[in-house]
Amino acid sequence: MTQGYYAAISGMQTNQYGLDVISDNLTNVSTTAYKSSTAEFADLFSKAVSGNTPTYNDIGYGVKLQATSFNLTQGSMMSSDRFNDLALEGNGWFGVTSKGQTMFTRDGSFSFDTYQKTSGDVNSSINRLVTADGQFVLGTMLSNFTYSPTYDYGDLTTTGSTGAYVLNNPTTDAPLSAAGSQGTLEFPSRLAYPVQPTTKTTFVGNLGITDATRTISAQVISGNNDINQLKLTFTKSAVQPATGVAWDVVATVTSTDGKTVYDTQNGQAVFGASGSLDSFNIASVNNNGTPVAVDLGAEFSGVIAVDGVGISGSSTSDGISAGSLTKYGINADGVIIADFSNGRQSAIGRVAVYHFQNDQGLNREGGTYYTQTSDSGKPLFWTDTNGNAITGATVRSNSLESSNSDMSVGLTDMIVSQRAYQANSKIVTTVDEMIQKALQMHR
C-alpha cells in the first residue's frame, strides 16, 4: 500500500518540474529568439505481479522527468530600424565568442563596439559586431582592404584628415572560411573606394562630309580623382583622299573649367567611300599622368563619316571615381556590403551561420546561449554540390526573431500540470486514510 505514497510523491515532484518548464516558457514569451522547452515524462520503473499470466501484469512505481526537449520552430519576424539586427529564417545558429569560449544563439540583436587597431590613430578605428553582453559575433573577414595612415580621406569628406582603410580588391563575393576558423567581424569606420583612373575612352557618332568643325567630348578620371575633359575637335583636312573623306583631329585634355591643359595631340582620321573608318593615328593622350587610349572604333562600329545621316557624337569612358563609405548592409546570405559615395559597393566579410547534426543535443547555457556537446556534434557549415560553404538559412537584416513560446499553450499546460499535481496530492491523502483504516482494524 505504501508504494502509492511513493508513486504520488514522484508524480507531485515531476509535475512540479513540468510546471517549472512551463513557467520558464511563459516568462520568456517576450525574449528575443527564445526557444521554448517541453517536459518529457517517463515511467519510473515497474514490478511484475507474482505468477505467470498471458497478459501484462506489471505495476508502475511512479513517474520521472526524462528530458526537456527544445521547440525549434521558427519565431515570427519583428521589424527593426537597425541593419545590424539580424534574424535567421530557417535552420542555423549565430556563433559568438568571449574569453576563448564559443557559444551559439538565435538572438541577433547585435550592436557595435569601437576599437583602434593602431594605438593613438583615431582614423584606424573599427566597429566590431557584438552581442548585448559584449560577446563577439563570428564570421569571415575578407583581406581586400588595408589601413593607410597617409590616405587623404579629406578629399572625399569634409574632415580633411589623413588615414583610412582602402579597398584593394572590390568584390561582391565573400566565401566562408572553415567552420573552425571564424573570427570577429570588423567594420572599418573610414573606408575608401580607391580611384580607378580612366584608361580608355570610346567615341561614336557621324561627322558627315560637309565643311564644318565637329567636337565630341568625354569626361575622364585622373589618378588624382579629378574629373577632367577629353575633347576631340574634327576639322576637314585641306588635302582630301581620292575617295572618302579625311578629318584633322586635335585631342585635348583639360581641367573641367578649361584653365589647365594636361595634353594636346594632333592627328588625322581617314574614312573610306562608304563612310567607315580606315585609319586614325592618335593612340592615346595624357590625363594628368595617366595615359588614356582614344578609340574611334573600327569600320562602322564607332565614328563614321556618312552623308545624308544626322550629325551626332557621344562617348563612354572607363574608370571609377574614388568614394567614401556611406553605409553598411548585410544581405540574405549574410554578406557584409559596404556602400560608397561613388555609387559602388563591395563585400568585406560574411556572418557565419552554423549547423549541427543534432540541435536537440545542444546544452542550454541561459541568456538564449547554447554550447556544443558530444550529442549535438561539432558545429559545421552546410555546403553546396561543389563543396562550397553556404549559409543554409536566410539572414534577415533589420529584423529580429521573436520568442516561439505560445502563451495560450503555456496557460493550458499550466492548468493540466496544476490538476495533475492536485490529483497526486489527493492520492497521498487517500492512501493515508486507507492506512489509518487498516491500523484501526485490530481494535
Protein backbone atom coordinates (compact mmCIF):
# COMPACT_ATOMS: atom_id res chain seq x y z
CA MET A 1 0.00 0.00 0.00
CA THR A 2 2.88 2.36 0.78
CA GLN A 3 4.00 2.25 -2.82
CA GLY A 4 1.05 4.52 -3.54
CA TYR A 5 2.78 7.14 -1.40
CA TYR A 6 5.95 6.97 -3.44
CA ALA A 7 4.15 6.96 -6.79
CA ALA A 8 2.11 10.01 -5.77
CA ILE A 9 5.14 11.83 -4.39
CA SER A 10 7.06 11.19 -7.63
CA GLY A 11 4.04 12.49 -9.54
CA MET A 12 3.92 15.66 -7.44
CA GLN A 13 7.64 16.24 -7.84
CA THR A 14 7.67 15.54 -11.58
CA ASN A 15 4.68 17.76 -12.27
CA GLN A 16 6.42 20.45 -10.29
CA TYR A 17 9.35 20.13 -12.67
CA GLY A 18 6.92 20.31 -15.57
CA LEU A 19 5.38 23.45 -14.11
CA ASP A 20 8.88 24.93 -13.79
CA VAL A 21 9.44 24.36 -17.52
CA ILE A 22 6.05 25.86 -18.38
CA SER A 23 6.64 28.91 -16.20
CA ASP A 24 10.05 29.43 -17.81
CA ASN A 25 8.40 29.38 -21.23
CA LEU A 26 5.79 31.91 -20.13
CA THR A 27 8.28 34.28 -18.54
CA ASN A 28 10.30 34.29 -21.79
CA VAL A 29 7.39 34.94 -24.10
CA SER A 30 8.95 38.32 -24.99
CA THR A 31 12.60 37.21 -25.06
CA THR A 32 14.19 37.66 -28.49
CA ALA A 33 14.71 34.34 -30.32
CA TYR A 34 13.87 32.31 -27.19
CA LYS A 35 13.23 28.63 -27.87
CA SER A 36 10.65 27.09 -25.57
CA SER A 37 11.06 23.69 -23.94
CA THR A 38 8.79 20.72 -23.42
CA ALA A 39 8.98 18.50 -20.34
CA GLU A 40 9.00 14.81 -21.26
CA PHE A 41 7.87 12.32 -18.59
CA ALA A 42 8.57 8.60 -18.33
CA ASP A 43 7.54 5.69 -16.12
CA LEU A 44 9.90 5.48 -13.15
CA PHE A 45 10.04 1.68 -13.03
CA SER A 46 7.62 -1.21 -12.66
CA LYS A 47 7.37 -4.54 -10.87
CA ALA A 48 5.70 -7.68 -12.14
CA VAL A 49 2.85 -9.18 -10.15
CA SER A 50 3.58 -12.72 -8.87
CA GLY A 51 2.55 -15.57 -11.07
CA ASN A 52 2.55 -16.24 -14.76
CA THR A 53 -0.23 -14.66 -16.77
CA PRO A 54 -0.71 -14.33 -20.54
CA THR A 55 -1.28 -10.60 -20.18
CA TYR A 56 0.68 -7.60 -18.96
CA ASN A 57 0.96 -7.80 -15.18
CA ASP A 58 3.34 -5.01 -14.15
CA ILE A 59 2.55 -2.36 -11.57
CA GLY A 60 4.12 1.05 -12.09
CA TYR A 61 6.00 2.72 -9.24
CA GLY A 62 5.75 6.36 -10.30
CA VAL A 63 6.98 8.86 -12.86
CA LYS A 64 10.15 10.80 -13.60
CA LEU A 65 11.24 13.74 -15.72
CA GLN A 66 13.09 12.05 -18.55
CA ALA A 67 14.14 15.05 -20.64
CA THR A 68 13.36 18.60 -21.66
CA SER A 69 13.37 18.99 -25.43
CA PHE A 70 13.74 22.24 -27.38
CA ASN A 71 10.94 23.54 -29.51
CA LEU A 72 12.93 24.71 -32.55
CA THR A 73 10.03 26.07 -34.58
CA GLN A 74 10.58 29.43 -36.24
CA GLY A 75 9.61 32.51 -34.26
CA SER A 76 7.87 35.32 -36.10
CA MET A 77 9.89 38.18 -37.62
CA MET A 78 9.88 41.59 -35.97
CA SER A 79 10.98 44.67 -37.92
CA SER A 80 13.86 46.79 -36.65
CA ASP A 81 15.37 50.12 -37.71
CA ARG A 82 18.96 48.86 -37.28
CA PHE A 83 20.70 46.97 -40.09
CA ASN A 84 22.83 45.13 -37.51
CA ASP A 85 19.74 43.49 -36.01
CA LEU A 86 19.68 40.07 -37.64
CA ALA A 87 17.22 37.19 -37.70
CA LEU A 88 17.63 33.71 -39.14
CA GLU A 89 14.81 32.37 -41.24
CA GLY A 90 15.36 28.65 -41.33
CA ASN A 91 17.80 26.29 -39.63
CA GLY A 92 21.01 27.62 -38.12
CA TRP A 93 22.77 29.49 -35.32
CA PHE A 94 24.91 32.58 -34.97
CA GLY A 95 28.28 31.95 -33.34
CA VAL A 96 29.64 34.24 -30.61
CA THR A 97 32.84 34.13 -28.62
CA SER A 98 34.29 35.61 -25.46
CA LYS A 99 37.40 34.67 -23.48
CA GLY A 100 38.04 31.65 -25.67
CA GLN A 101 34.57 30.13 -25.29
CA THR A 102 32.31 29.78 -28.31
CA MET A 103 28.54 29.69 -27.90
CA PHE A 104 25.60 29.72 -30.27
CA THR A 105 22.42 31.75 -30.36
CA ARG A 106 19.45 32.71 -32.50
CA ASP A 107 19.28 36.14 -30.88
CA GLY A 108 20.59 38.59 -33.47
CA SER A 109 20.12 41.84 -31.52
CA PHE A 110 23.71 42.89 -32.20
CA SER A 111 25.44 46.24 -31.72
CA PHE A 112 28.94 47.66 -32.19
CA ASP A 113 31.95 48.45 -30.07
CA THR A 114 34.79 50.69 -31.29
CA TYR A 115 38.43 49.67 -31.31
CA GLN A 116 41.53 51.44 -32.64
CA LYS A 117 43.72 48.95 -34.47
CA THR A 118 46.61 51.44 -34.47
CA SER A 119 47.01 52.84 -30.98
CA GLY A 120 46.60 56.61 -30.94
CA ASP A 121 45.27 56.80 -34.50
CA VAL A 122 41.56 57.57 -34.27
CA ASN A 123 41.14 57.08 -38.01
CA SER A 124 42.18 53.43 -37.68
CA SER A 125 39.07 52.65 -35.63
CA ILE A 126 36.87 49.69 -36.47
CA ASN A 127 33.46 48.69 -35.17
CA ARG A 128 33.20 45.08 -34.04
CA LEU A 129 29.83 43.34 -34.16
CA VAL A 130 28.94 42.25 -30.62
CA THR A 131 26.05 40.88 -28.58
CA ALA A 132 24.26 42.87 -25.89
CA ASP A 133 26.63 41.44 -23.26
CA GLY A 134 29.78 42.12 -25.28
CA GLN A 135 30.48 38.78 -26.96
CA PHE A 136 31.96 38.97 -30.45
CA VAL A 137 29.91 37.71 -33.38
CA LEU A 138 31.81 35.23 -35.55
CA GLY A 139 32.27 35.28 -39.29
CA THR A 140 34.77 35.58 -42.15
CA MET A 141 36.53 38.86 -42.91
CA LEU A 142 38.00 39.37 -46.37
CA SER A 143 41.55 40.63 -46.81
CA ASN A 144 40.55 43.08 -49.53
CA PHE A 145 41.22 46.26 -47.57
CA THR A 146 44.18 47.63 -45.64
CA TYR A 147 44.80 50.66 -43.48
CA SER A 148 46.78 53.54 -44.97
CA PRO A 149 47.81 56.23 -42.45
CA THR A 150 48.63 58.61 -45.32
CA TYR A 151 45.49 58.22 -47.41
CA ASP A 152 43.86 61.62 -47.89
CA TYR A 153 40.30 60.84 -46.83
CA GLY A 154 39.77 64.59 -46.66
CA ASP A 155 39.50 64.63 -50.45
CA LEU A 156 36.36 62.55 -50.07
CA THR A 157 34.82 64.09 -46.96
CA THR A 158 34.89 67.37 -45.09
CA THR A 159 37.08 66.06 -42.28
CA GLY A 160 40.31 66.99 -44.04
CA SER A 161 42.39 64.46 -42.09
CA THR A 162 44.52 61.63 -43.40
CA GLY A 163 44.24 57.95 -42.67
CA ALA A 164 41.64 55.43 -43.81
CA TYR A 165 41.12 51.81 -44.77
CA VAL A 166 41.35 51.42 -48.54
CA LEU A 167 39.83 48.68 -50.67
CA ASN A 168 42.36 46.89 -52.84
CA ASN A 169 40.03 44.37 -54.45
CA PRO A 170 36.36 45.34 -54.65
CA THR A 171 34.16 42.25 -54.89
CA THR A 172 30.60 41.08 -54.47
CA ASP A 173 31.51 37.64 -53.13
CA ALA A 174 32.60 36.66 -49.63
CA PRO A 175 33.34 32.90 -49.32
CA LEU A 176 33.21 31.48 -45.81
CA SER A 177 36.41 30.00 -44.45
CA ALA A 178 36.35 26.72 -42.45
CA ALA A 179 33.79 26.47 -39.66
CA GLY A 180 36.50 26.17 -37.04
CA SER A 181 38.46 29.23 -38.19
CA GLN A 182 35.90 32.01 -37.94
CA GLY A 183 36.90 35.29 -36.31
CA THR A 184 35.42 38.58 -35.15
CA LEU A 185 33.59 40.76 -37.66
CA GLU A 186 35.13 44.22 -38.11
CA PHE A 187 33.53 47.21 -39.84
CA PRO A 188 36.07 49.99 -40.62
CA SER A 189 34.78 53.43 -39.64
CA ARG A 190 36.60 55.09 -42.56
CA LEU A 191 36.68 53.00 -45.70
CA ALA A 192 37.60 54.37 -49.13
CA TYR A 193 36.85 53.04 -52.58
CA PRO A 194 40.07 53.80 -54.48
CA VAL A 195 40.12 55.78 -57.68
CA GLN A 196 40.41 53.77 -60.86
CA PRO A 197 41.63 56.29 -63.47
CA THR A 198 40.28 56.27 -66.99
CA THR A 199 42.40 54.18 -69.34
CA LYS A 200 40.17 54.15 -72.42
CA THR A 201 37.56 56.39 -73.98
CA THR A 202 35.42 55.22 -76.89
CA PHE A 203 33.78 57.69 -79.27
CA VAL A 204 30.83 57.09 -81.59
CA GLY A 205 28.92 59.35 -83.98
CA ASN A 206 28.67 60.67 -87.53
CA LEU A 207 30.85 63.54 -88.78
CA GLY A 208 29.22 63.79 -92.18
CA ILE A 209 31.24 65.11 -95.12
CA THR A 210 30.43 68.83 -95.21
CA ASP A 211 32.96 71.52 -94.31
CA ALA A 212 32.34 72.22 -90.62
CA THR A 213 34.13 71.75 -87.33
CA ARG A 214 32.82 68.93 -85.12
CA THR A 215 33.59 68.23 -81.46
CA ILE A 216 32.93 65.20 -79.30
CA SER A 217 33.78 65.39 -75.59
CA ALA A 218 34.16 62.90 -72.76
CA GLN A 219 34.78 63.01 -69.03
CA VAL A 220 37.93 61.23 -67.89
CA ILE A 221 39.06 60.49 -64.33
CA SER A 222 42.66 61.16 -63.38
CA GLY A 223 44.78 59.27 -60.89
CA ASN A 224 44.27 62.20 -58.51
CA ASN A 225 40.50 61.62 -58.63
CA ASP A 226 39.93 64.75 -60.73
CA ILE A 227 37.25 64.64 -63.39
CA ASN A 228 38.80 66.21 -66.48
CA GLN A 229 37.58 66.75 -70.04
CA LEU A 230 38.86 65.00 -73.14
CA LYS A 231 37.73 66.78 -76.30
CA LEU A 232 38.21 65.72 -79.90
CA THR A 233 37.94 68.54 -82.44
CA PHE A 234 37.42 67.41 -86.04
CA THR A 235 38.24 69.83 -88.89
CA LYS A 236 38.01 68.73 -92.51
CA SER A 237 41.52 68.26 -93.87
CA ALA A 238 42.82 70.63 -96.55
CA VAL A 239 44.06 67.71 -98.61
CA GLN A 240 41.46 65.01 -99.22
CA PRO A 241 41.94 61.42 -100.40
CA ALA A 242 40.81 60.30 -103.86
CA THR A 243 37.83 58.57 -102.33
CA GLY A 244 36.27 59.08 -98.91
CA VAL A 245 37.00 61.96 -96.56
CA ALA A 246 39.77 62.96 -94.11
CA TRP A 247 39.48 64.96 -90.90
CA ASP A 248 42.23 66.64 -88.92
CA VAL A 249 41.83 65.78 -85.23
CA VAL A 250 43.02 67.71 -82.16
CA ALA A 251 42.73 65.73 -78.91
CA THR A 252 42.93 67.91 -75.80
CA VAL A 253 42.74 67.05 -72.11
CA THR A 254 41.90 69.93 -69.79
CA SER A 255 40.53 70.53 -66.34
CA THR A 256 36.75 70.90 -66.17
CA ASP A 257 36.99 74.67 -66.07
CA GLY A 258 39.39 74.63 -69.04
CA LYS A 259 42.10 76.59 -67.23
CA THR A 260 44.62 73.74 -67.08
CA VAL A 261 45.72 71.89 -70.22
CA TYR A 262 47.27 68.48 -69.50
CA ASP A 263 47.93 67.31 -73.06
CA THR A 264 47.30 68.09 -76.71
CA GLN A 265 47.75 65.59 -79.53
CA ASN A 266 47.29 66.18 -83.28
CA GLY A 267 46.37 63.56 -85.80
CA GLN A 268 44.09 62.57 -88.64
CA ALA A 269 41.10 60.29 -89.17
CA VAL A 270 40.51 58.93 -92.68
CA PHE A 271 37.18 57.45 -93.78
CA GLY A 272 36.51 55.33 -96.87
CA ALA A 273 34.00 55.96 -99.63
CA SER A 274 31.31 54.12 -97.64
CA GLY A 275 31.96 56.30 -94.61
CA SER A 276 33.65 53.65 -92.45
CA LEU A 277 36.84 54.47 -90.54
CA ASP A 278 40.00 53.41 -92.34
CA SER A 279 42.68 54.88 -90.08
CA PHE A 280 43.26 57.06 -87.01
CA ASN A 281 46.73 57.92 -85.74
CA ILE A 282 46.21 59.27 -82.19
CA ALA A 283 46.75 56.29 -79.94
CA SER A 284 46.41 57.98 -76.53
CA VAL A 285 46.51 61.23 -74.59
CA ASN A 286 47.94 62.10 -71.18
CA ASN A 287 45.34 62.70 -68.46
CA ASN A 288 47.49 64.34 -65.78
CA GLY A 289 49.86 61.39 -65.62
CA THR A 290 47.57 58.60 -66.80
CA PRO A 291 47.55 57.61 -70.49
CA VAL A 292 44.06 57.32 -71.96
CA ALA A 293 43.57 55.31 -75.15
CA VAL A 294 41.42 57.11 -77.72
CA ASP A 295 39.19 54.65 -79.56
CA LEU A 296 37.16 55.70 -82.61
CA GLY A 297 36.07 52.12 -83.26
CA ALA A 298 36.52 50.21 -86.49
CA GLU A 299 34.59 50.37 -89.75
CA PHE A 300 31.01 51.28 -88.75
CA SER A 301 31.26 50.46 -85.00
CA GLY A 302 32.40 53.90 -83.80
CA VAL A 303 32.86 57.24 -85.55
CA ILE A 304 31.75 57.34 -89.20
CA ALA A 305 31.51 59.96 -91.96
CA VAL A 306 28.31 59.37 -93.92
CA ASP A 307 26.41 61.92 -95.97
CA GLY A 308 22.67 62.26 -95.57
CA VAL A 309 22.65 61.00 -91.96
CA GLY A 310 22.24 63.28 -88.97
CA ILE A 311 25.38 64.63 -87.33
CA SER A 312 25.90 63.09 -83.89
CA GLY A 313 28.53 62.30 -81.29
CA SER A 314 28.80 60.59 -77.92
CA SER A 315 31.40 58.86 -75.77
CA THR A 316 31.94 56.35 -72.98
CA SER A 317 34.88 56.13 -70.61
CA ASP A 318 36.01 53.53 -68.14
CA GLY A 319 37.39 54.43 -64.72
CA ILE A 320 35.77 54.94 -61.33
CA SER A 321 35.95 57.96 -59.08
CA ALA A 322 37.08 57.40 -55.52
CA GLY A 323 34.33 57.14 -52.92
CA SER A 324 33.91 57.34 -49.18
CA LEU A 325 31.87 54.93 -47.06
CA THR A 326 28.22 55.90 -46.76
CA LYS A 327 26.73 52.86 -45.03
CA TYR A 328 26.95 49.14 -44.41
CA GLY A 329 24.39 46.47 -45.12
CA ILE A 330 24.03 42.70 -44.70
CA ASN A 331 22.30 40.70 -47.41
CA ALA A 332 20.26 37.49 -47.25
CA ASP A 333 23.42 35.34 -47.45
CA GLY A 334 25.00 37.16 -44.53
CA VAL A 335 27.47 39.02 -46.77
CA ILE A 336 28.55 42.38 -45.34
CA ILE A 337 28.25 45.02 -48.06
CA ALA A 338 29.86 48.48 -47.94
CA ASP A 339 28.17 51.27 -49.93
CA PHE A 340 30.24 54.23 -51.18
CA SER A 341 29.55 57.80 -52.23
CA ASN A 342 30.54 56.99 -55.84
CA GLY A 343 27.63 54.56 -56.12
CA ARG A 344 29.82 51.46 -55.88
CA GLN A 345 29.58 48.53 -53.48
CA SER A 346 31.93 45.88 -52.18
CA ALA A 347 31.75 42.90 -49.86
CA ILE A 348 34.16 42.95 -46.91
CA GLY A 349 33.06 39.90 -44.93
CA ARG A 350 30.30 37.47 -44.09
CA VAL A 351 28.36 36.48 -40.99
CA ALA A 352 28.76 32.78 -40.16
CA VAL A 353 25.66 30.60 -39.75
CA TYR A 354 26.41 27.29 -38.02
CA HIS A 355 24.55 23.99 -38.10
CA PHE A 356 24.62 20.80 -36.01
CA GLN A 357 23.87 17.16 -36.65
CA ASN A 358 21.57 17.18 -33.63
CA ASP A 359 20.29 20.55 -32.43
CA GLN A 360 18.46 18.83 -29.56
CA GLY A 361 21.83 17.78 -28.17
CA LEU A 362 22.95 21.36 -27.52
CA ASN A 363 23.43 22.40 -23.92
CA ARG A 364 21.43 25.39 -22.80
CA GLU A 365 23.57 27.98 -21.02
CA GLY A 366 20.97 30.66 -20.31
CA GLY A 367 20.57 34.01 -21.96
CA THR A 368 19.49 32.27 -25.23
CA TYR A 369 23.01 30.82 -25.48
CA TYR A 370 23.84 27.18 -26.22
CA THR A 371 27.06 25.21 -26.30
CA GLN A 372 28.00 22.11 -28.24
CA THR A 373 28.08 18.67 -26.66
CA SER A 374 29.01 15.19 -27.79
CA ASP A 375 25.30 14.67 -28.51
CA SER A 376 24.99 17.73 -30.75
CA GLY A 377 28.25 17.13 -32.61
CA LYS A 378 30.66 19.81 -33.72
CA PRO A 379 29.43 22.98 -35.42
CA LEU A 380 29.61 22.80 -39.19
CA PHE A 381 28.68 24.66 -42.36
CA TRP A 382 26.32 23.30 -44.94
CA THR A 383 27.82 23.02 -48.42
CA ASP A 384 26.54 23.07 -51.97
CA THR A 385 27.16 20.42 -54.62
CA ASN A 386 30.57 21.94 -55.32
CA GLY A 387 31.63 21.74 -51.68
CA ASN A 388 31.40 25.48 -51.07
CA ALA A 389 30.14 26.61 -47.67
CA ILE A 390 26.64 28.10 -47.76
CA THR A 391 24.55 29.89 -45.17
CA GLY A 392 21.76 27.32 -45.19
CA ALA A 393 19.28 29.92 -43.93
CA THR A 394 18.09 33.38 -44.91
CA VAL A 395 19.70 36.18 -42.92
CA ARG A 396 17.17 38.96 -42.38
CA SER A 397 18.74 42.34 -41.70
CA ASN A 398 16.65 44.99 -39.91
CA SER A 399 14.75 42.12 -38.26
CA LEU A 400 14.68 40.11 -35.05
CA GLU A 401 13.17 36.70 -34.37
CA SER A 402 10.58 36.68 -31.64
CA SER A 403 10.15 34.02 -28.96
CA ASN A 404 8.35 30.87 -30.11
CA SER A 405 6.77 30.44 -26.68
CA ASP A 406 2.98 30.30 -27.12
CA MET A 407 1.19 31.90 -24.19
CA SER A 408 -2.12 30.13 -24.86
CA VAL A 409 -0.42 26.73 -24.93
CA GLY A 410 1.56 27.58 -21.81
CA LEU A 411 -1.52 28.61 -19.84
CA THR A 412 -3.33 25.42 -20.88
CA ASP A 413 -0.36 23.25 -19.93
CA MET A 414 -0.15 25.06 -16.62
CA ILE A 415 -3.74 24.14 -15.80
CA VAL A 416 -3.10 20.49 -16.74
CA SER A 417 0.04 20.37 -14.57
CA GLN A 418 -1.79 22.00 -11.69
CA ARG A 419 -4.60 19.45 -11.88
CA ALA A 420 -2.09 16.59 -12.10
CA TYR A 421 -0.29 17.92 -9.05
CA GLN A 422 -3.59 18.17 -7.15
CA ALA A 423 -4.56 14.65 -8.21
CA ASN A 424 -1.28 13.24 -6.92
CA SER A 425 -1.67 15.10 -3.64
CA LYS A 426 -5.14 13.58 -3.36
CA ILE A 427 -3.57 10.13 -3.79
CA VAL A 428 -1.34 10.84 -0.79
CA THR A 429 -4.31 11.74 1.43
CA THR A 430 -6.33 8.77 0.14
CA VAL A 431 -3.51 6.30 0.83
CA ASP A 432 -3.06 7.85 4.26
CA GLU A 433 -6.75 7.30 5.04
CA MET A 434 -6.50 3.69 3.86
CA ILE A 435 -3.51 3.03 6.09
CA GLN A 436 -5.26 4.61 9.06
CA LYS A 437 -8.29 2.45 8.38
CA ALA A 438 -6.11 -0.66 8.27
CA LEU A 439 -4.44 0.24 11.57
CA GLN A 440 -7.85 0.65 13.22
CA MET A 441 -8.96 -2.84 12.22
CA HIS A 442 -7.10 -4.54 15.11
CA ARG A 443 -9.27 -2.76 17.71
